[in-house]
Amino acid sequence: MDGIFFVYLRGMNFLGHLFFSNDDHQLMYANLNGDFVRGRDLSHFPKKLEQGILLHRMIDDYIDHHPIVLELLHQLYEPLPKVAGIAVDLFFDHILAQYWDQFHPQALDKFIDGFYAAELENSYLYSDNFKYMLARMKENNWLYQYQFEYGLMRACKGVSSRISFPNVLDTAHRVFKTYEEEVEKSFFGFMEEAIPHHRDFLAKM
């Protein structure tokens, strides 16, 4: 994205991970940090950071195995071989941004501004790679760009260029237009089940 730096996050990518973080800015940061942390032993982290990493992994696992998503992946495999899963993550963030008002009481720009303005607590516990990614995200306002067609296009092209194998993800924005009805139907069906599931998970943390 913006041709400089992009870290692909599995699951629903950046905006989706933030959406499921219960409006808690420190949990949002910890959640995004999930792809920068390896291993199962998280006991050396403060509670909030540990919770965010676990939340991130749960989000990834939930979407990876949800039957609605698996059916959509089957439909998209032919036009997007090997990268359909990545494309669905980007598509879902695109749709979430477009229909944000249906899912959250705060306007998208206000939600994003609040996250950007929040101080990163215990920053020494976050890797330099994470902090660099975060700086690029804020500088280029990636989260807000998701709602626009050009934002989806740039995200697809940016991730495609950083995948280690030959791929057609750079064409995914056009595939989205072809399958838009099917993708939107899958997204809304997924969210109907994902929202209470994630709410229950957070309540038990």
N, C-alpha and C. Protein backbone atom coordinates (compact mmCIF):
# COMPACT_ATOMS: atom_id res chain seq x y z
N MET A 1 0.86 -1.19 0.00
CA MET A 1 0.00 0.00 0.00
C MET A 1 0.89 1.23 0.00
N ASP A 2 0.69 2.12 -0.96
CA ASP A 2 1.55 3.26 -1.18
C ASP A 2 2.96 2.84 -1.60
N GLY A 3 3.10 1.60 -2.04
CA GLY A 3 4.34 1.14 -2.64
C GLY A 3 5.54 1.15 -1.72
N ILE A 4 5.37 1.28 -0.41
CA ILE A 4 6.51 1.41 0.49
C ILE A 4 6.60 0.22 1.43
N PHE A 5 5.54 -0.03 2.14
CA PHE A 5 5.60 -1.08 3.16
C PHE A 5 4.19 -1.56 3.44
N PHE A 6 4.05 -2.85 3.51
CA PHE A 6 2.73 -3.38 3.84
C PHE A 6 2.91 -4.71 4.51
N VAL A 7 2.38 -4.85 5.68
CA VAL A 7 2.38 -6.14 6.37
C VAL A 7 0.99 -6.73 6.27
N TYR A 8 0.90 -7.87 5.63
CA TYR A 8 -0.40 -8.50 5.48
C TYR A 8 -0.79 -9.17 6.79
N LEU A 9 -1.95 -8.82 7.29
CA LEU A 9 -2.48 -9.48 8.47
C LEU A 9 -3.55 -10.45 8.04
N ARG A 10 -3.45 -11.69 8.51
CA ARG A 10 -4.48 -12.67 8.19
C ARG A 10 -5.80 -12.25 8.81
N GLY A 11 -6.81 -13.10 8.61
CA GLY A 11 -8.11 -12.76 9.16
C GLY A 11 -8.74 -11.64 8.34
N MET A 12 -9.36 -10.68 9.01
CA MET A 12 -10.07 -9.63 8.29
C MET A 12 -9.21 -8.38 8.09
N ASN A 13 -7.90 -8.57 8.16
CA ASN A 13 -6.98 -7.46 7.95
C ASN A 13 -7.19 -6.37 8.99
N PHE A 14 -6.64 -5.21 8.74
CA PHE A 14 -6.55 -4.18 9.78
C PHE A 14 -7.90 -3.75 10.34
N LEU A 15 -8.81 -3.28 9.50
CA LEU A 15 -10.05 -2.69 10.00
C LEU A 15 -10.91 -3.71 10.74
N GLY A 16 -10.99 -4.90 10.22
CA GLY A 16 -11.76 -5.93 10.89
C GLY A 16 -11.21 -6.28 12.26
N HIS A 17 -9.89 -6.36 12.36
CA HIS A 17 -9.28 -6.64 13.66
C HIS A 17 -9.58 -5.53 14.65
N LEU A 18 -9.56 -4.29 14.20
CA LEU A 18 -9.87 -3.17 15.09
C LEU A 18 -11.34 -3.19 15.49
N PHE A 19 -12.20 -3.49 14.55
CA PHE A 19 -13.64 -3.52 14.84
C PHE A 19 -13.96 -4.49 15.96
N PHE A 20 -13.29 -5.63 15.97
CA PHE A 20 -13.58 -6.66 16.98
C PHE A 20 -12.79 -6.46 18.27
N SER A 21 -12.22 -5.28 18.48
CA SER A 21 -11.41 -5.01 19.67
C SER A 21 -12.17 -4.22 20.73
N ASN A 22 -13.49 -4.18 20.63
CA ASN A 22 -14.34 -3.67 21.71
C ASN A 22 -14.07 -2.19 22.04
N ASP A 23 -13.71 -1.39 21.02
CA ASP A 23 -13.48 0.05 21.20
C ASP A 23 -12.40 0.36 22.24
N ASP A 24 -11.51 -0.57 22.46
CA ASP A 24 -10.42 -0.43 23.42
C ASP A 24 -9.13 -0.20 22.62
N HIS A 25 -8.59 1.02 22.65
CA HIS A 25 -7.46 1.35 21.80
C HIS A 25 -6.22 0.51 22.09
N GLN A 26 -5.96 0.24 23.35
CA GLN A 26 -4.78 -0.58 23.67
C GLN A 26 -4.98 -2.02 23.22
N LEU A 27 -6.22 -2.51 23.30
CA LEU A 27 -6.50 -3.85 22.78
C LEU A 27 -6.37 -3.86 21.26
N MET A 28 -6.74 -2.76 20.61
CA MET A 28 -6.56 -2.65 19.16
C MET A 28 -5.10 -2.79 18.78
N TYR A 29 -4.24 -2.04 19.46
CA TYR A 29 -2.81 -2.13 19.18
C TYR A 29 -2.30 -3.55 19.41
N ALA A 30 -2.69 -4.12 20.53
CA ALA A 30 -2.24 -5.47 20.87
C ALA A 30 -2.76 -6.49 19.86
N ASN A 31 -3.97 -6.28 19.39
CA ASN A 31 -4.57 -7.15 18.39
C ASN A 31 -3.77 -7.10 17.09
N LEU A 32 -3.50 -5.90 16.59
CA LEU A 32 -2.73 -5.77 15.36
C LEU A 32 -1.33 -6.37 15.51
N ASN A 33 -0.84 -6.37 16.72
CA ASN A 33 0.50 -6.91 16.98
C ASN A 33 0.55 -8.43 16.87
N GLY A 34 -0.61 -9.05 16.75
CA GLY A 34 -0.66 -10.51 16.78
C GLY A 34 0.18 -11.19 15.74
N ASP A 35 0.31 -10.60 14.55
CA ASP A 35 1.10 -11.24 13.50
C ASP A 35 2.59 -11.02 13.67
N PHE A 36 2.98 -10.25 14.66
CA PHE A 36 4.39 -9.99 14.90
C PHE A 36 4.93 -10.80 16.07
N VAL A 37 4.07 -11.65 16.63
CA VAL A 37 4.45 -12.44 17.81
C VAL A 37 4.32 -13.92 17.48
N ARG A 38 5.33 -14.67 17.80
CA ARG A 38 5.32 -16.11 17.57
C ARG A 38 5.31 -16.84 18.91
N GLY A 39 4.87 -18.09 18.89
CA GLY A 39 4.92 -18.92 20.07
C GLY A 39 3.63 -18.88 20.88
N ARG A 40 3.52 -19.84 21.78
CA ARG A 40 2.32 -19.98 22.60
C ARG A 40 2.47 -19.36 23.98
N ASP A 41 3.68 -19.27 24.46
CA ASP A 41 3.90 -18.72 25.79
C ASP A 41 3.89 -17.19 25.73
N LEU A 42 2.82 -16.59 26.22
CA LEU A 42 2.66 -15.14 26.21
C LEU A 42 2.71 -14.57 27.62
N SER A 43 3.14 -15.38 28.57
CA SER A 43 3.07 -14.98 29.98
C SER A 43 3.98 -13.81 30.32
N HIS A 44 4.97 -13.53 29.48
CA HIS A 44 5.87 -12.42 29.76
C HIS A 44 5.29 -11.08 29.34
N PHE A 45 4.14 -11.10 28.65
CA PHE A 45 3.48 -9.87 28.23
C PHE A 45 2.50 -9.38 29.30
N PRO A 46 2.28 -8.06 29.38
CA PRO A 46 1.20 -7.55 30.22
C PRO A 46 -0.14 -8.13 29.76
N LYS A 47 -1.12 -8.14 30.66
CA LYS A 47 -2.40 -8.79 30.38
C LYS A 47 -3.05 -8.27 29.10
N LYS A 48 -3.07 -6.96 28.90
CA LYS A 48 -3.74 -6.40 27.72
C LYS A 48 -3.08 -6.86 26.43
N LEU A 49 -1.78 -6.88 26.42
CA LEU A 49 -1.06 -7.30 25.22
C LEU A 49 -1.28 -8.78 24.94
N GLU A 50 -1.29 -9.57 25.99
CA GLU A 50 -1.59 -10.99 25.83
C GLU A 50 -3.00 -11.19 25.28
N GLN A 51 -3.96 -10.45 25.81
CA GLN A 51 -5.34 -10.57 25.35
C GLN A 51 -5.46 -10.21 23.87
N GLY A 52 -4.77 -9.15 23.47
CA GLY A 52 -4.85 -8.73 22.08
C GLY A 52 -4.28 -9.76 21.13
N ILE A 53 -3.19 -10.37 21.51
CA ILE A 53 -2.58 -11.40 20.66
C ILE A 53 -3.51 -12.60 20.55
N LEU A 54 -4.10 -13.01 21.67
CA LEU A 54 -5.04 -14.13 21.65
C LEU A 54 -6.28 -13.79 20.82
N LEU A 55 -6.76 -12.55 20.95
CA LEU A 55 -7.91 -12.12 20.15
C LEU A 55 -7.58 -12.18 18.68
N HIS A 56 -6.41 -11.69 18.32
CA HIS A 56 -6.00 -11.70 16.92
C HIS A 56 -6.00 -13.13 16.36
N ARG A 57 -5.45 -14.04 17.12
CA ARG A 57 -5.38 -15.43 16.66
C ARG A 57 -6.76 -16.06 16.57
N MET A 58 -7.64 -15.71 17.50
CA MET A 58 -8.99 -16.24 17.44
C MET A 58 -9.71 -15.72 16.20
N ILE A 59 -9.56 -14.42 15.90
CA ILE A 59 -10.20 -13.84 14.71
C ILE A 59 -9.73 -14.57 13.46
N ASP A 60 -8.42 -14.77 13.36
CA ASP A 60 -7.87 -15.47 12.21
C ASP A 60 -8.47 -16.86 12.07
N ASP A 61 -8.48 -17.60 13.17
CA ASP A 61 -8.96 -18.97 13.14
C ASP A 61 -10.45 -19.03 12.81
N TYR A 62 -11.20 -18.09 13.35
CA TYR A 62 -12.65 -18.09 13.13
C TYR A 62 -12.99 -17.88 11.66
N ILE A 63 -12.36 -16.89 11.04
CA ILE A 63 -12.70 -16.62 9.64
C ILE A 63 -12.13 -17.70 8.73
N ASP A 64 -10.97 -18.26 9.09
CA ASP A 64 -10.36 -19.29 8.25
C ASP A 64 -11.22 -20.55 8.17
N HIS A 65 -12.03 -20.79 9.20
CA HIS A 65 -12.79 -22.04 9.25
C HIS A 65 -14.31 -21.84 9.18
N HIS A 66 -14.75 -20.61 8.97
CA HIS A 66 -16.19 -20.37 8.92
C HIS A 66 -16.78 -20.92 7.62
N PRO A 67 -17.87 -21.68 7.69
CA PRO A 67 -18.42 -22.32 6.48
C PRO A 67 -18.83 -21.33 5.40
N ILE A 68 -19.34 -20.16 5.78
CA ILE A 68 -19.71 -19.16 4.77
C ILE A 68 -18.48 -18.69 4.01
N VAL A 69 -17.40 -18.48 4.73
CA VAL A 69 -16.15 -18.04 4.10
C VAL A 69 -15.56 -19.16 3.24
N LEU A 70 -15.62 -20.38 3.73
CA LEU A 70 -15.08 -21.50 2.96
C LEU A 70 -15.84 -21.66 1.63
N GLU A 71 -17.13 -21.45 1.66
CA GLU A 71 -17.92 -21.53 0.42
C GLU A 71 -17.53 -20.41 -0.54
N LEU A 72 -17.31 -19.23 -0.02
CA LEU A 72 -16.89 -18.11 -0.85
C LEU A 72 -15.51 -18.37 -1.45
N LEU A 73 -14.61 -18.93 -0.67
CA LEU A 73 -13.28 -19.26 -1.17
C LEU A 73 -13.37 -20.24 -2.33
N HIS A 74 -14.28 -21.18 -2.21
CA HIS A 74 -14.48 -22.15 -3.30
C HIS A 74 -14.89 -21.44 -4.58
N GLN A 75 -15.76 -20.45 -4.47
CA GLN A 75 -16.22 -19.70 -5.65
C GLN A 75 -15.09 -18.86 -6.26
N LEU A 76 -14.20 -18.37 -5.43
CA LEU A 76 -13.17 -17.45 -5.90
C LEU A 76 -11.86 -18.14 -6.26
N TYR A 77 -11.77 -19.43 -6.04
CA TYR A 77 -10.49 -20.10 -6.26
C TYR A 77 -10.07 -20.03 -7.73
N GLU A 78 -11.01 -20.21 -8.64
CA GLU A 78 -10.63 -20.23 -10.06
C GLU A 78 -10.06 -18.89 -10.53
N PRO A 79 -10.72 -17.75 -10.26
CA PRO A 79 -10.13 -16.49 -10.70
C PRO A 79 -8.96 -16.02 -9.84
N LEU A 80 -8.83 -16.56 -8.62
CA LEU A 80 -7.78 -16.12 -7.70
C LEU A 80 -7.08 -17.32 -7.07
N PRO A 81 -6.46 -18.16 -7.86
CA PRO A 81 -5.82 -19.36 -7.30
C PRO A 81 -4.72 -18.99 -6.31
N LYS A 82 -4.68 -19.72 -5.21
CA LYS A 82 -3.68 -19.58 -4.14
C LYS A 82 -3.83 -18.33 -3.29
N VAL A 83 -4.56 -17.33 -3.78
CA VAL A 83 -4.66 -16.07 -3.03
C VAL A 83 -6.10 -15.69 -2.72
N ALA A 84 -7.04 -16.61 -2.91
CA ALA A 84 -8.45 -16.29 -2.65
C ALA A 84 -8.66 -15.89 -1.20
N GLY A 85 -7.97 -16.56 -0.27
CA GLY A 85 -8.13 -16.24 1.14
C GLY A 85 -7.66 -14.83 1.47
N ILE A 86 -6.54 -14.44 0.91
CA ILE A 86 -6.04 -13.08 1.12
C ILE A 86 -7.02 -12.07 0.53
N ALA A 87 -7.53 -12.38 -0.66
CA ALA A 87 -8.47 -11.48 -1.32
C ALA A 87 -9.74 -11.30 -0.49
N VAL A 88 -10.25 -12.38 0.08
CA VAL A 88 -11.46 -12.29 0.89
C VAL A 88 -11.23 -11.38 2.10
N ASP A 89 -10.07 -11.49 2.72
CA ASP A 89 -9.76 -10.59 3.83
C ASP A 89 -9.85 -9.13 3.40
N LEU A 90 -9.25 -8.83 2.27
CA LEU A 90 -9.26 -7.45 1.77
C LEU A 90 -10.67 -7.04 1.34
N PHE A 91 -11.40 -7.95 0.71
CA PHE A 91 -12.77 -7.65 0.30
C PHE A 91 -13.65 -7.34 1.52
N PHE A 92 -13.50 -8.13 2.56
CA PHE A 92 -14.33 -7.93 3.75
C PHE A 92 -14.02 -6.59 4.42
N ASP A 93 -12.76 -6.21 4.47
CA ASP A 93 -12.44 -4.90 5.03
C ASP A 93 -13.02 -3.78 4.17
N HIS A 94 -12.99 -3.96 2.88
CA HIS A 94 -13.56 -2.98 1.95
C HIS A 94 -15.05 -2.81 2.21
N ILE A 95 -15.77 -3.92 2.35
CA ILE A 95 -17.21 -3.85 2.58
C ILE A 95 -17.50 -3.31 3.98
N LEU A 96 -16.72 -3.73 4.97
CA LEU A 96 -16.91 -3.22 6.32
C LEU A 96 -16.78 -1.71 6.34
N ALA A 97 -15.79 -1.18 5.65
CA ALA A 97 -15.60 0.27 5.59
C ALA A 97 -16.77 0.95 4.89
N GLN A 98 -17.26 0.34 3.83
CA GLN A 98 -18.37 0.92 3.08
C GLN A 98 -19.66 0.96 3.90
N TYR A 99 -19.90 -0.07 4.67
CA TYR A 99 -21.15 -0.20 5.43
C TYR A 99 -20.92 0.00 6.93
N TRP A 100 -19.89 0.71 7.25
CA TRP A 100 -19.49 0.89 8.65
C TRP A 100 -20.64 1.34 9.54
N ASP A 101 -21.44 2.28 9.07
CA ASP A 101 -22.52 2.85 9.87
C ASP A 101 -23.55 1.80 10.29
N GLN A 102 -23.60 0.69 9.59
CA GLN A 102 -24.54 -0.37 9.96
C GLN A 102 -24.01 -1.23 11.12
N PHE A 103 -22.72 -1.08 11.42
CA PHE A 103 -22.12 -1.94 12.42
C PHE A 103 -21.59 -1.21 13.64
N HIS A 104 -21.39 0.09 13.53
CA HIS A 104 -20.78 0.82 14.63
C HIS A 104 -21.45 2.19 14.78
N PRO A 105 -21.74 2.63 16.01
CA PRO A 105 -22.43 3.90 16.21
C PRO A 105 -21.57 5.12 15.90
N GLN A 106 -20.26 4.96 15.91
CA GLN A 106 -19.37 6.08 15.64
C GLN A 106 -18.98 6.10 14.17
N ALA A 107 -18.96 7.28 13.57
CA ALA A 107 -18.59 7.41 12.17
C ALA A 107 -17.19 6.85 11.94
N LEU A 108 -16.95 6.29 10.76
CA LEU A 108 -15.68 5.64 10.47
C LEU A 108 -14.49 6.58 10.67
N ASP A 109 -14.60 7.80 10.19
CA ASP A 109 -13.47 8.72 10.31
C ASP A 109 -13.17 9.04 11.78
N LYS A 110 -14.21 9.17 12.59
CA LYS A 110 -14.01 9.43 14.02
C LYS A 110 -13.40 8.22 14.72
N PHE A 111 -13.86 7.04 14.37
CA PHE A 111 -13.31 5.81 14.93
C PHE A 111 -11.82 5.70 14.61
N ILE A 112 -11.48 5.95 13.36
CA ILE A 112 -10.08 5.85 12.93
C ILE A 112 -9.24 6.93 13.60
N ASP A 113 -9.75 8.16 13.63
CA ASP A 113 -9.00 9.26 14.26
C ASP A 113 -8.71 8.96 15.73
N GLY A 114 -9.70 8.37 16.42
CA GLY A 114 -9.51 8.04 17.82
C GLY A 114 -8.41 7.01 18.00
N PHE A 115 -8.38 6.02 17.12
CA PHE A 115 -7.33 5.00 17.19
C PHE A 115 -5.96 5.62 16.89
N TYR A 116 -5.89 6.43 15.84
CA TYR A 116 -4.61 7.05 15.48
C TYR A 116 -4.08 7.94 16.60
N ALA A 117 -4.98 8.61 17.31
CA ALA A 117 -4.58 9.57 18.34
C ALA A 117 -4.17 8.91 19.65
N ALA A 118 -4.57 7.66 19.85
CA ALA A 118 -4.29 6.98 21.12
C ALA A 118 -2.81 6.66 21.25
N GLU A 119 -2.26 6.92 22.41
CA GLU A 119 -0.85 6.63 22.66
C GLU A 119 -0.64 5.13 22.80
N LEU A 120 0.44 4.64 22.25
CA LEU A 120 0.78 3.22 22.35
C LEU A 120 1.47 2.97 23.69
N GLU A 121 0.76 2.36 24.61
CA GLU A 121 1.33 2.09 25.92
C GLU A 121 2.29 0.90 25.86
N ASN A 122 3.29 0.92 26.75
CA ASN A 122 4.30 -0.15 26.78
C ASN A 122 4.92 -0.37 25.40
N SER A 123 5.23 0.72 24.73
CA SER A 123 5.70 0.64 23.34
C SER A 123 6.99 -0.17 23.22
N TYR A 124 7.78 -0.25 24.28
CA TYR A 124 9.03 -0.99 24.22
C TYR A 124 8.81 -2.49 24.02
N LEU A 125 7.58 -2.95 24.27
CA LEU A 125 7.26 -4.35 24.09
C LEU A 125 6.86 -4.69 22.66
N TYR A 126 6.70 -3.68 21.83
CA TYR A 126 6.33 -3.88 20.44
C TYR A 126 7.59 -3.80 19.57
N SER A 127 7.65 -4.63 18.56
CA SER A 127 8.84 -4.68 17.71
C SER A 127 8.94 -3.41 16.85
N ASP A 128 10.14 -3.15 16.38
CA ASP A 128 10.35 -2.02 15.48
C ASP A 128 9.56 -2.20 14.19
N ASN A 129 9.44 -3.45 13.72
CA ASN A 129 8.66 -3.71 12.50
C ASN A 129 7.20 -3.33 12.69
N PHE A 130 6.66 -3.67 13.85
CA PHE A 130 5.27 -3.31 14.13
C PHE A 130 5.12 -1.79 14.17
N LYS A 131 6.02 -1.12 14.86
CA LYS A 131 5.90 0.33 15.00
C LYS A 131 6.10 1.03 13.66
N TYR A 132 6.93 0.48 12.80
CA TYR A 132 7.11 1.06 11.47
C TYR A 132 5.84 0.88 10.64
N MET A 133 5.26 -0.33 10.70
CA MET A 133 4.00 -0.58 10.00
C MET A 133 2.93 0.38 10.48
N LEU A 134 2.85 0.57 11.79
CA LEU A 134 1.84 1.45 12.37
C LEU A 134 2.03 2.89 11.89
N ALA A 135 3.27 3.32 11.82
CA ALA A 135 3.56 4.68 11.35
C ALA A 135 3.14 4.86 9.90
N ARG A 136 3.38 3.85 9.06
CA ARG A 136 2.97 3.93 7.65
C ARG A 136 1.46 3.92 7.54
N MET A 137 0.81 3.10 8.36
CA MET A 137 -0.65 3.05 8.35
C MET A 137 -1.25 4.42 8.64
N LYS A 138 -0.73 5.08 9.67
CA LYS A 138 -1.26 6.39 10.06
C LYS A 138 -0.91 7.46 9.03
N GLU A 139 0.32 7.43 8.56
CA GLU A 139 0.77 8.45 7.62
C GLU A 139 -0.04 8.45 6.33
N ASN A 140 -0.36 7.25 5.86
CA ASN A 140 -1.08 7.13 4.59
C ASN A 140 -2.56 6.82 4.77
N ASN A 141 -3.01 6.77 6.03
CA ASN A 141 -4.43 6.60 6.36
C ASN A 141 -5.03 5.37 5.65
N TRP A 142 -4.34 4.25 5.80
CA TRP A 142 -4.80 3.04 5.13
C TRP A 142 -6.23 2.68 5.50
N LEU A 143 -6.56 2.82 6.78
CA LEU A 143 -7.87 2.36 7.24
C LEU A 143 -9.01 3.09 6.54
N TYR A 144 -8.86 4.38 6.36
CA TYR A 144 -9.91 5.16 5.72
C TYR A 144 -10.00 4.85 4.22
N GLN A 145 -8.89 4.47 3.62
CA GLN A 145 -8.86 4.23 2.17
C GLN A 145 -9.63 2.98 1.78
N TYR A 146 -9.82 2.05 2.71
CA TYR A 146 -10.44 0.77 2.39
C TYR A 146 -11.81 0.92 1.74
N GLN A 147 -12.55 1.96 2.08
CA GLN A 147 -13.92 2.06 1.59
C GLN A 147 -14.02 2.39 0.11
N PHE A 148 -12.93 2.88 -0.47
CA PHE A 148 -12.95 3.33 -1.86
C PHE A 148 -12.40 2.26 -2.79
N GLU A 149 -12.87 2.29 -4.04
CA GLU A 149 -12.40 1.31 -5.01
C GLU A 149 -10.89 1.40 -5.20
N TYR A 150 -10.36 2.62 -5.24
CA TYR A 150 -8.92 2.77 -5.43
C TYR A 150 -8.15 2.25 -4.22
N GLY A 151 -8.76 2.36 -3.03
CA GLY A 151 -8.11 1.83 -1.83
C GLY A 151 -8.00 0.33 -1.88
N LEU A 152 -9.07 -0.34 -2.32
CA LEU A 152 -9.03 -1.79 -2.48
C LEU A 152 -8.00 -2.18 -3.53
N MET A 153 -7.98 -1.45 -4.63
CA MET A 153 -7.04 -1.75 -5.71
C MET A 153 -5.60 -1.63 -5.21
N ARG A 154 -5.29 -0.58 -4.51
CA ARG A 154 -3.93 -0.37 -4.02
C ARG A 154 -3.55 -1.42 -2.99
N ALA A 155 -4.50 -1.81 -2.15
CA ALA A 155 -4.23 -2.85 -1.17
C ALA A 155 -3.91 -4.17 -1.86
N CYS A 156 -4.71 -4.52 -2.86
CA CYS A 156 -4.50 -5.76 -3.61
C CYS A 156 -3.14 -5.76 -4.30
N LYS A 157 -2.82 -4.68 -4.96
CA LYS A 157 -1.54 -4.58 -5.67
C LYS A 157 -0.37 -4.57 -4.68
N GLY A 158 -0.55 -3.87 -3.56
CA GLY A 158 0.53 -3.79 -2.58
C GLY A 158 0.85 -5.14 -1.97
N VAL A 159 -0.19 -5.88 -1.58
CA VAL A 159 0.04 -7.21 -1.00
C VAL A 159 0.59 -8.16 -2.05
N SER A 160 0.06 -8.09 -3.26
CA SER A 160 0.52 -8.97 -4.34
C SER A 160 2.01 -8.85 -4.56
N SER A 161 2.52 -7.63 -4.54
CA SER A 161 3.94 -7.40 -4.81
C SER A 161 4.85 -7.94 -3.73
N ARG A 162 4.27 -8.25 -2.55
CA ARG A 162 5.07 -8.73 -1.44
C ARG A 162 4.89 -10.22 -1.15
N ILE A 163 4.11 -10.88 -1.99
CA ILE A 163 3.96 -12.33 -1.86
C ILE A 163 5.13 -13.00 -2.57
N SER A 164 5.67 -14.04 -1.96
CA SER A 164 6.92 -14.63 -2.45
C SER A 164 6.75 -15.46 -3.72
N PHE A 165 5.53 -15.82 -4.08
CA PHE A 165 5.31 -16.65 -5.26
C PHE A 165 4.50 -15.87 -6.30
N PRO A 166 4.59 -16.24 -7.58
CA PRO A 166 3.79 -15.57 -8.62
C PRO A 166 2.31 -15.68 -8.29
N ASN A 167 1.57 -14.58 -8.46
CA ASN A 167 0.17 -14.57 -8.07
C ASN A 167 -0.60 -13.55 -8.88
N VAL A 168 -1.92 -13.63 -8.78
CA VAL A 168 -2.79 -12.71 -9.53
C VAL A 168 -3.59 -11.81 -8.58
N LEU A 169 -3.09 -11.64 -7.36
CA LEU A 169 -3.83 -10.82 -6.40
C LEU A 169 -3.96 -9.37 -6.88
N ASP A 170 -3.06 -8.94 -7.74
CA ASP A 170 -3.15 -7.56 -8.25
C ASP A 170 -4.37 -7.35 -9.13
N THR A 171 -5.04 -8.44 -9.52
CA THR A 171 -6.27 -8.34 -10.31
C THR A 171 -7.52 -8.49 -9.44
N ALA A 172 -7.33 -8.68 -8.14
CA ALA A 172 -8.46 -9.04 -7.26
C ALA A 172 -9.52 -7.96 -7.20
N HIS A 173 -9.14 -6.69 -7.34
CA HIS A 173 -10.14 -5.62 -7.30
C HIS A 173 -11.12 -5.75 -8.45
N ARG A 174 -10.67 -6.27 -9.57
CA ARG A 174 -11.57 -6.50 -10.71
C ARG A 174 -12.43 -7.73 -10.46
N VAL A 175 -11.86 -8.75 -9.85
CA VAL A 175 -12.63 -9.94 -9.49
C VAL A 175 -13.73 -9.56 -8.51
N PHE A 176 -13.41 -8.66 -7.61
CA PHE A 176 -14.43 -8.20 -6.66
C PHE A 176 -15.64 -7.62 -7.37
N LYS A 177 -15.42 -6.82 -8.39
CA LYS A 177 -16.54 -6.22 -9.12
C LYS A 177 -17.40 -7.30 -9.77
N THR A 178 -16.78 -8.35 -10.24
CA THR A 178 -17.51 -9.45 -10.89
C THR A 178 -18.35 -10.23 -9.87
N TYR A 179 -17.78 -10.43 -8.69
CA TYR A 179 -18.43 -11.26 -7.67
C TYR A 179 -18.97 -10.43 -6.51
N GLU A 180 -19.18 -9.16 -6.73
CA GLU A 180 -19.54 -8.26 -5.63
C GLU A 180 -20.79 -8.72 -4.88
N GLU A 181 -21.81 -9.15 -5.60
CA GLU A 181 -23.05 -9.58 -4.94
C GLU A 181 -22.79 -10.77 -4.03
N GLU A 182 -22.03 -11.76 -4.53
CA GLU A 182 -21.75 -12.95 -3.74
C GLU A 182 -20.88 -12.62 -2.53
N VAL A 183 -19.89 -11.73 -2.72
CA VAL A 183 -19.00 -11.37 -1.62
C VAL A 183 -19.77 -10.62 -0.53
N GLU A 184 -20.62 -9.68 -0.93
CA GLU A 184 -21.39 -8.92 0.05
C GLU A 184 -22.34 -9.84 0.82
N LYS A 185 -22.99 -10.73 0.14
CA LYS A 185 -23.90 -11.66 0.82
C LYS A 185 -23.13 -12.50 1.83
N SER A 186 -21.95 -12.96 1.46
CA SER A 186 -21.13 -13.76 2.37
C SER A 186 -20.67 -12.92 3.55
N PHE A 187 -20.28 -11.69 3.29
CA PHE A 187 -19.82 -10.81 4.36
C PHE A 187 -20.90 -10.58 5.40
N PHE A 188 -22.10 -10.24 4.97
CA PHE A 188 -23.18 -9.95 5.92
C PHE A 188 -23.59 -11.22 6.67
N GLY A 189 -23.58 -12.35 5.99
CA GLY A 189 -23.88 -13.60 6.67
C GLY A 189 -22.82 -13.94 7.71
N PHE A 190 -21.58 -13.72 7.36
CA PHE A 190 -20.49 -13.95 8.30
C PHE A 190 -20.59 -13.04 9.52
N MET A 191 -20.81 -11.76 9.28
CA MET A 191 -20.86 -10.79 10.39
C MET A 191 -22.02 -11.08 11.34
N GLU A 192 -23.11 -11.58 10.81
CA GLU A 192 -24.25 -11.90 11.67
C GLU A 192 -23.87 -12.92 12.74
N GLU A 193 -22.98 -13.83 12.40
CA GLU A 193 -22.55 -14.84 13.35
C GLU A 193 -21.27 -14.43 14.08
N ALA A 194 -20.42 -13.66 13.41
CA ALA A 194 -19.13 -13.30 14.00
C ALA A 194 -19.27 -12.31 15.14
N ILE A 195 -20.18 -11.37 15.03
CA ILE A 195 -20.31 -10.34 16.07
C ILE A 195 -20.65 -10.94 17.43
N PRO A 196 -21.68 -11.77 17.57
CA PRO A 196 -21.93 -12.36 18.89
C PRO A 196 -20.83 -13.31 19.34
N HIS A 197 -20.22 -14.00 18.39
CA HIS A 197 -19.13 -14.92 18.74
C HIS A 197 -17.97 -14.16 19.37
N HIS A 198 -17.57 -13.07 18.75
CA HIS A 198 -16.45 -12.29 19.26
C HIS A 198 -16.82 -11.56 20.54
N ARG A 199 -18.07 -11.15 20.66
CA ARG A 199 -18.53 -10.50 21.89
C ARG A 199 -18.42 -11.48 23.06
N ASP A 200 -18.81 -12.71 22.84
CA ASP A 200 -18.73 -13.72 23.89
C ASP A 200 -17.27 -14.01 24.25
N PHE A 201 -16.42 -14.05 23.25
CA PHE A 201 -15.00 -14.31 23.49
C PHE A 201 -14.40 -13.21 24.36
N LEU A 202 -14.70 -11.96 24.03
CA LEU A 202 -14.16 -10.83 24.80
C LEU A 202 -14.69 -10.84 26.24
N ALA A 203 -15.94 -11.21 26.40
CA ALA A 203 -16.54 -11.23 27.74
C ALA A 203 -15.87 -12.25 28.65
N LYS A 204 -15.28 -13.28 28.07
CA LYS A 204 -14.65 -14.34 28.85
C LYS A 204 -13.16 -14.11 29.07
N MET A 205 -12.60 -13.08 28.46
CA MET A 205 -11.16 -12.84 28.58
C MET A 205 -10.80 -12.29 29.95
